[in-house]
Structures are given as C-alpha cells and as structure tokens.
N, C-alpha and C. Protein backbone atom coordinates (compact mmCIF):
# COMPACT_ATOMS: atom_id res chain seq x y z
N MET A 1 -30.39 11.06 -25.55
CA MET A 1 -31.60 11.07 -26.35
C MET A 1 -32.43 9.85 -25.93
N LEU A 2 -33.76 10.03 -25.83
CA LEU A 2 -34.63 8.95 -25.50
C LEU A 2 -34.92 8.09 -26.71
N ALA A 3 -35.24 6.82 -26.50
CA ALA A 3 -35.57 5.90 -27.57
C ALA A 3 -36.89 6.44 -28.20
N GLN A 4 -36.91 6.41 -29.57
CA GLN A 4 -38.10 6.91 -30.26
C GLN A 4 -38.23 6.38 -31.65
N TYR A 5 -39.47 6.33 -32.11
CA TYR A 5 -39.78 6.03 -33.49
C TYR A 5 -40.10 7.32 -34.21
N VAL A 6 -39.65 7.49 -35.41
CA VAL A 6 -39.83 8.73 -36.16
C VAL A 6 -40.37 8.38 -37.58
N TYR A 7 -41.35 9.27 -38.01
CA TYR A 7 -41.89 9.21 -39.36
C TYR A 7 -42.07 10.59 -39.90
N GLN A 8 -41.41 10.90 -41.01
CA GLN A 8 -41.56 12.19 -41.66
C GLN A 8 -42.65 12.16 -42.68
N SER A 9 -43.57 13.19 -42.60
CA SER A 9 -44.67 13.26 -43.51
C SER A 9 -44.80 14.67 -44.01
N THR A 10 -45.62 14.91 -45.06
CA THR A 10 -45.86 16.30 -45.45
C THR A 10 -46.63 17.07 -44.43
N SER A 11 -47.31 16.42 -43.49
CA SER A 11 -48.01 17.05 -42.42
C SER A 11 -47.08 17.48 -41.27
N GLY A 12 -45.92 16.92 -41.26
CA GLY A 12 -44.94 17.22 -40.18
C GLY A 12 -44.17 15.99 -39.70
N LEU A 13 -43.43 16.15 -38.66
CA LEU A 13 -42.63 15.06 -38.10
C LEU A 13 -43.42 14.38 -36.99
N PHE A 14 -43.74 13.13 -37.20
CA PHE A 14 -44.43 12.26 -36.20
C PHE A 14 -43.38 11.53 -35.39
N ARG A 15 -43.53 11.54 -34.06
CA ARG A 15 -42.63 10.86 -33.21
C ARG A 15 -43.37 10.11 -32.15
N ILE A 16 -42.83 8.90 -31.79
CA ILE A 16 -43.35 8.18 -30.65
C ILE A 16 -42.12 7.95 -29.76
N ILE A 17 -42.17 8.63 -28.60
CA ILE A 17 -40.99 8.69 -27.73
C ILE A 17 -41.22 7.95 -26.44
N ARG A 18 -40.24 7.13 -26.05
CA ARG A 18 -40.35 6.38 -24.74
C ARG A 18 -40.18 7.47 -23.62
N HIS A 19 -41.08 7.44 -22.71
CA HIS A 19 -41.10 8.41 -21.61
C HIS A 19 -41.35 7.61 -20.33
N GLY A 20 -40.30 7.10 -19.69
CA GLY A 20 -40.43 6.18 -18.58
C GLY A 20 -40.99 4.87 -19.05
N HIS A 21 -42.08 4.42 -18.49
CA HIS A 21 -42.68 3.19 -18.94
C HIS A 21 -43.80 3.37 -19.94
N ARG A 22 -44.05 4.62 -20.33
CA ARG A 22 -45.06 4.94 -21.35
C ARG A 22 -44.41 5.51 -22.58
N TRP A 23 -45.30 5.77 -23.60
CA TRP A 23 -44.80 6.28 -24.87
C TRP A 23 -45.65 7.50 -25.19
N ARG A 24 -44.99 8.56 -25.58
CA ARG A 24 -45.66 9.82 -26.02
C ARG A 24 -45.72 9.90 -27.51
N ALA A 25 -46.88 10.31 -28.01
CA ALA A 25 -47.07 10.48 -29.46
C ALA A 25 -47.05 12.00 -29.73
N LEU A 26 -46.23 12.45 -30.62
CA LEU A 26 -46.11 13.88 -30.94
C LEU A 26 -46.16 14.12 -32.47
N LEU A 27 -46.67 15.27 -32.82
CA LEU A 27 -46.59 15.76 -34.17
C LEU A 27 -45.82 17.09 -34.05
N ASP A 28 -44.67 17.17 -34.62
CA ASP A 28 -43.66 18.17 -34.46
C ASP A 28 -43.41 18.31 -32.94
N GLU A 29 -43.79 19.46 -32.27
CA GLU A 29 -43.52 19.61 -30.86
C GLU A 29 -44.75 19.48 -29.98
N VAL A 30 -45.92 19.12 -30.61
CA VAL A 30 -47.19 19.05 -29.91
C VAL A 30 -47.44 17.57 -29.48
N GLU A 31 -47.62 17.39 -28.18
CA GLU A 31 -47.96 16.07 -27.66
C GLU A 31 -49.45 15.73 -27.95
N LEU A 32 -49.68 14.58 -28.53
CA LEU A 32 -51.03 14.18 -28.93
C LEU A 32 -51.65 13.15 -27.95
N GLY A 33 -50.78 12.47 -27.15
CA GLY A 33 -51.26 11.47 -26.30
C GLY A 33 -50.16 10.69 -25.62
N ARG A 34 -50.50 9.88 -24.59
CA ARG A 34 -49.53 8.97 -23.98
C ARG A 34 -50.18 7.60 -23.97
N PHE A 35 -49.32 6.57 -24.21
CA PHE A 35 -49.78 5.22 -24.43
C PHE A 35 -48.91 4.24 -23.71
N ASP A 36 -49.47 3.06 -23.39
CA ASP A 36 -48.65 2.00 -22.73
C ASP A 36 -47.77 1.27 -23.70
N GLU A 37 -48.18 1.21 -24.94
CA GLU A 37 -47.36 0.48 -26.00
C GLU A 37 -47.16 1.40 -27.18
N PRO A 38 -46.05 1.29 -27.84
CA PRO A 38 -45.79 2.13 -29.03
C PRO A 38 -46.75 1.74 -30.18
N ASP A 39 -47.20 0.56 -30.26
CA ASP A 39 -48.15 0.13 -31.31
C ASP A 39 -49.48 0.89 -31.14
N ALA A 40 -49.88 1.09 -29.93
CA ALA A 40 -51.13 1.83 -29.67
C ALA A 40 -50.96 3.31 -30.08
N ALA A 41 -49.82 3.83 -29.85
CA ALA A 41 -49.52 5.25 -30.27
C ALA A 41 -49.54 5.38 -31.81
N ALA A 42 -48.94 4.38 -32.48
CA ALA A 42 -48.93 4.41 -33.96
C ALA A 42 -50.35 4.31 -34.53
N THR A 43 -51.23 3.43 -33.89
CA THR A 43 -52.59 3.28 -34.31
C THR A 43 -53.35 4.57 -34.13
N ALA A 44 -53.15 5.21 -32.99
CA ALA A 44 -53.87 6.47 -32.68
C ALA A 44 -53.44 7.57 -33.70
N LEU A 45 -52.15 7.65 -33.96
CA LEU A 45 -51.72 8.67 -34.94
C LEU A 45 -52.26 8.39 -36.32
N ARG A 46 -52.29 7.12 -36.71
CA ARG A 46 -52.80 6.79 -38.05
C ARG A 46 -54.34 7.11 -38.14
N ASP A 47 -55.08 6.85 -37.08
CA ASP A 47 -56.50 7.11 -37.08
C ASP A 47 -56.78 8.58 -37.06
N SER A 48 -55.96 9.37 -36.41
CA SER A 48 -56.17 10.82 -36.31
C SER A 48 -55.71 11.62 -37.58
N PHE A 49 -54.69 10.99 -38.30
CA PHE A 49 -54.11 11.72 -39.44
C PHE A 49 -54.11 10.82 -40.65
N ASN A 50 -55.27 10.46 -41.16
CA ASN A 50 -55.37 9.63 -42.38
C ASN A 50 -54.68 10.24 -43.56
N ALA A 51 -54.83 11.55 -43.75
CA ALA A 51 -54.19 12.14 -44.90
C ALA A 51 -52.67 12.18 -44.93
N ALA A 52 -52.07 12.00 -43.74
CA ALA A 52 -50.65 11.97 -43.62
C ALA A 52 -50.06 10.59 -43.93
N ARG A 53 -50.90 9.59 -44.09
CA ARG A 53 -50.44 8.22 -44.43
C ARG A 53 -49.42 7.71 -43.47
N VAL A 54 -49.72 7.91 -42.14
CA VAL A 54 -48.84 7.41 -41.11
C VAL A 54 -48.91 5.89 -41.10
N PRO A 55 -47.77 5.20 -41.17
CA PRO A 55 -47.77 3.74 -41.19
C PRO A 55 -48.31 3.12 -39.87
N HIS A 56 -49.06 2.13 -39.98
CA HIS A 56 -49.58 1.40 -38.83
C HIS A 56 -48.61 0.54 -38.14
N ARG A 57 -47.76 -0.13 -38.91
CA ARG A 57 -46.77 -1.01 -38.36
C ARG A 57 -45.45 -0.26 -37.99
N LEU A 58 -44.95 -0.51 -36.83
CA LEU A 58 -43.75 0.19 -36.35
C LEU A 58 -42.52 -0.14 -37.15
N ASP A 59 -42.49 -1.31 -37.84
CA ASP A 59 -41.28 -1.64 -38.66
C ASP A 59 -41.18 -0.72 -39.87
N ARG A 60 -42.19 0.07 -40.20
CA ARG A 60 -42.12 1.05 -41.22
C ARG A 60 -41.64 2.46 -40.77
N TRP A 61 -41.54 2.56 -39.45
CA TRP A 61 -41.06 3.79 -38.80
C TRP A 61 -39.54 3.67 -38.67
N ARG A 62 -38.83 4.75 -38.57
CA ARG A 62 -37.36 4.76 -38.25
C ARG A 62 -37.23 4.72 -36.75
N TYR A 63 -36.47 3.70 -36.30
CA TYR A 63 -36.26 3.56 -34.82
C TYR A 63 -34.89 4.16 -34.46
N LEU A 64 -34.93 5.05 -33.45
CA LEU A 64 -33.69 5.68 -32.94
C LEU A 64 -33.55 5.20 -31.50
N PRO A 65 -32.46 4.34 -31.24
CA PRO A 65 -32.30 3.86 -29.88
C PRO A 65 -31.87 4.96 -28.91
N ALA A 66 -32.07 4.64 -27.62
CA ALA A 66 -31.64 5.61 -26.60
C ALA A 66 -30.15 5.71 -26.62
N THR A 67 -29.61 6.90 -26.36
CA THR A 67 -28.18 7.07 -26.32
C THR A 67 -27.87 7.89 -25.06
N ALA A 68 -26.60 7.76 -24.66
CA ALA A 68 -26.16 8.54 -23.45
C ALA A 68 -26.09 10.02 -23.84
N LEU A 69 -26.09 10.83 -22.80
CA LEU A 69 -26.03 12.28 -23.00
C LEU A 69 -24.62 12.62 -23.32
N GLY A 70 -24.31 12.89 -24.51
CA GLY A 70 -22.94 13.16 -24.98
C GLY A 70 -22.28 14.41 -24.46
N HIS A 71 -23.10 15.40 -24.04
CA HIS A 71 -22.50 16.65 -23.57
C HIS A 71 -22.08 16.56 -22.10
N LEU A 72 -22.35 15.45 -21.41
CA LEU A 72 -21.97 15.32 -20.00
C LEU A 72 -20.66 14.50 -19.93
N ALA A 73 -19.84 14.98 -19.00
CA ALA A 73 -18.59 14.19 -18.76
C ALA A 73 -18.96 12.95 -17.90
N PRO A 74 -18.16 11.90 -18.02
CA PRO A 74 -18.44 10.70 -17.14
C PRO A 74 -18.27 11.06 -15.68
N PRO A 75 -19.03 10.38 -14.82
CA PRO A 75 -18.92 10.76 -13.42
C PRO A 75 -17.56 10.52 -12.79
N HIS A 76 -17.14 11.42 -11.98
CA HIS A 76 -15.85 11.29 -11.31
C HIS A 76 -15.87 10.19 -10.24
N PRO A 77 -14.84 9.41 -9.99
CA PRO A 77 -14.88 8.33 -9.04
C PRO A 77 -15.25 8.77 -7.61
N THR A 78 -14.81 9.94 -7.24
CA THR A 78 -15.19 10.44 -5.87
C THR A 78 -16.68 10.74 -5.76
N ALA A 79 -17.26 11.29 -6.85
CA ALA A 79 -18.65 11.46 -6.84
C ALA A 79 -19.46 10.14 -6.77
N MET A 80 -18.97 9.12 -7.48
CA MET A 80 -19.63 7.84 -7.41
C MET A 80 -19.49 7.25 -6.00
N ALA A 81 -18.34 7.44 -5.39
CA ALA A 81 -18.14 6.89 -4.01
C ALA A 81 -19.08 7.59 -3.01
N ARG A 82 -19.28 8.92 -3.16
CA ARG A 82 -20.24 9.64 -2.33
C ARG A 82 -21.65 9.13 -2.51
N LEU A 83 -22.01 8.86 -3.72
CA LEU A 83 -23.37 8.34 -4.01
C LEU A 83 -23.55 6.97 -3.42
N ALA A 84 -22.50 6.12 -3.54
CA ALA A 84 -22.53 4.74 -3.02
C ALA A 84 -22.67 4.78 -1.48
N ALA A 85 -22.03 5.77 -0.84
CA ALA A 85 -22.05 5.86 0.63
C ALA A 85 -23.34 6.38 1.15
N ALA A 86 -24.10 7.07 0.35
CA ALA A 86 -25.35 7.71 0.85
C ALA A 86 -26.44 6.75 1.06
C-alpha cells in the first residue's frame, strides 16, 4: 500500500496518495489532481469541496504509512543473486 492521507466525509472518501515524488488527490476513485506537496493537495480539495468540510491541515487527516505488499513472498536468494549480477 502506498503512503496516503485519508478523510471520510458525507461527500465520500477523500485521499491524498503518494505517487512517486508527487501526490494524487482523489475523491472515492476519481483523481482530482496531482501536486508536489500533500499540503497543496489538501488545500485544493478544501477549496473545491467547501460543503464537505475537508480539513486544511494534514494533522487532521488520518495518515496511513506505506507498507510492503503482503501478498508477495520474499525474494528467493537465487533471484537476488541474478539481479545483482545483471
């Protein structure tokens, strides 16, 4: 799972997701924009959805840190050796 900030509202689920070096702002599954900083994404969401009462400050959002992909097995030592040799 990618690192993300989450805020639940009556308008839907707002998320700010780290995507490489940028941040994506989403409402449910719809992308609303990409930003260099998560603060800019929160400000844009708040300005666009005043009725949803989206918090401006990220400390009011729920932060979910990035986690490893749990459904994948750890790499086998021979596979790592082949990658290192390439």
